């Protein structure tokens, strides 16, 4: 993940149906943090980077309406052939507005 932005861009390729793209947002990382706390038996993001990418794509897909909110993570994983991480948005840092400060 880029240090310039927390947003990740994924293409989800299901076994059945059409591929779709999603962007992560801050709420998806909150979902991840709180879900990982409830599942201490799950591997860490470092131990299972593919699982982490799948989780972030699932969270973004639910939030954006690409999949229903009641689709469980395990069901999403079973139905997904691939998750491709695409280029993130380029963020151009800006300085303070004139007179700010």
Protein backbone atom coordinates (compact mmCIF):
# COMPACT_ATOMS: atom_id res chain seq x y z
CA UNK A 1 0.00 0.00 0.00
CA UNK A 2 1.25 3.45 -0.88
CA UNK A 3 2.09 5.86 1.88
CA UNK A 4 0.44 8.65 -0.15
CA UNK A 5 -3.07 7.26 0.29
CA UNK A 6 -4.87 4.49 2.15
CA UNK A 7 -7.15 3.82 -0.82
CA UNK A 8 -6.52 0.58 -2.66
CA UNK A 9 -8.00 -0.29 -6.05
CA UNK A 10 -9.03 -3.90 -6.72
CA UNK A 11 -10.54 -5.87 -9.58
CA UNK A 12 -12.55 -8.79 -8.24
CA UNK A 13 -12.95 -11.74 -10.61
CA UNK A 14 -15.66 -14.11 -9.44
CA UNK A 15 -15.92 -17.70 -10.63
CA UNK A 16 -19.38 -16.81 -11.92
CA UNK A 17 -20.55 -13.40 -13.04
CA UNK A 18 -18.77 -10.33 -14.28
CA UNK A 19 -15.58 -8.88 -12.79
CA UNK A 20 -15.97 -5.59 -10.94
CA UNK A 21 -13.68 -2.95 -9.48
CA UNK A 22 -13.76 -1.42 -6.01
CA UNK A 23 -11.82 1.22 -4.11
CA UNK A 24 -11.17 0.89 -0.41
CA UNK A 25 -11.99 3.74 1.94
CA UNK A 26 -11.35 4.50 5.59
CA UNK A 27 -14.48 2.61 6.81
CA UNK A 28 -13.14 -0.60 5.22
CA UNK A 29 -9.96 -0.41 7.31
CA UNK A 30 -12.07 0.06 10.44
CA UNK A 31 -14.07 -3.04 9.53
CA UNK A 32 -10.79 -4.90 9.11
CA UNK A 33 -9.36 -3.75 12.44
CA UNK A 34 -12.46 -4.64 14.45
CA UNK A 35 -12.99 -7.97 12.64
CA UNK A 36 -9.37 -9.04 13.23
CA UNK A 37 -9.84 -8.30 16.95
CA UNK A 38 -12.84 -10.65 17.05
CA UNK A 39 -10.85 -13.41 15.30
CA UNK A 40 -7.49 -13.75 17.09
CA UNK A 41 -7.10 -17.18 15.47
CA UNK A 42 -6.87 -15.59 11.99
CA UNK A 43 -3.37 -15.20 10.55
CA UNK A 44 -1.88 -11.72 10.55
CA UNK A 45 -1.83 -9.60 7.41
CA UNK A 46 1.86 -10.41 7.07
CA UNK A 47 1.27 -14.17 7.42
CA UNK A 48 -1.58 -14.17 4.87
CA UNK A 49 -1.22 -11.22 2.47
CA UNK A 50 -3.64 -12.78 -0.05
CA UNK A 51 -6.26 -13.18 2.65
CA UNK A 52 -5.73 -9.53 3.63
CA UNK A 53 -6.23 -8.35 0.03
CA UNK A 54 -9.35 -10.51 -0.25
CA UNK A 55 -10.69 -9.08 3.02
CA UNK A 56 -10.15 -5.50 1.89
CA UNK A 57 -11.83 -6.21 -1.46
CA UNK A 58 -14.76 -7.85 0.36
CA UNK A 59 -15.16 -4.90 2.74
CA UNK A 60 -15.05 -2.40 -0.13
CA UNK A 61 -17.46 -4.48 -2.24
CA UNK A 62 -20.01 -4.60 0.58
CA UNK A 63 -19.73 -0.91 1.39
CA UNK A 64 -19.99 0.13 -2.27
CA UNK A 65 -22.97 -2.16 -2.98
CA UNK A 66 -21.15 -4.45 -5.43
CA UNK A 67 -22.16 -7.35 -3.20
CA UNK A 68 -24.91 -7.57 -0.61
CA UNK A 69 -24.13 -6.57 2.98
CA UNK A 70 -25.14 -10.05 4.16
CA UNK A 71 -22.42 -11.81 2.09
CA UNK A 72 -20.02 -13.30 4.62
CA UNK A 73 -16.26 -13.08 4.02
CA UNK A 74 -15.89 -16.86 3.75
CA UNK A 75 -18.62 -16.99 1.05
CA UNK A 76 -16.91 -14.16 -0.85
CA UNK A 77 -13.59 -16.03 -0.78
CA UNK A 78 -15.20 -19.27 -2.00
CA UNK A 79 -16.86 -17.43 -4.90
CA UNK A 80 -13.76 -15.43 -5.95
CA UNK A 81 -11.27 -16.71 -8.53
CA UNK A 82 -8.89 -13.75 -8.20
CA UNK A 83 -8.44 -10.31 -6.71
CA UNK A 84 -6.07 -8.09 -8.64
CA UNK A 85 -4.55 -5.07 -6.96
CA UNK A 86 -4.59 -2.18 -9.44
CA UNK A 87 -2.76 1.13 -9.37
CA UNK A 88 -3.91 3.41 -6.54
CA UNK A 89 -4.91 7.01 -7.07
CA UNK A 90 -2.02 9.41 -7.33
CA UNK A 91 -2.27 11.96 -4.55
CA UNK A 92 -0.43 15.20 -5.04
CA UNK A 93 0.39 16.75 -1.68
CA UNK A 94 -0.50 20.40 -1.44
CA UNK A 95 0.79 23.08 0.84
CA UNK A 96 -1.40 25.19 3.07
CA UNK A 97 -3.76 27.64 1.42
CA UNK A 98 -2.43 31.19 1.13
CA UNK A 99 -3.04 33.00 4.38
CA UNK A 100 -3.65 29.78 6.33
CA UNK A 101 -2.19 29.55 9.58
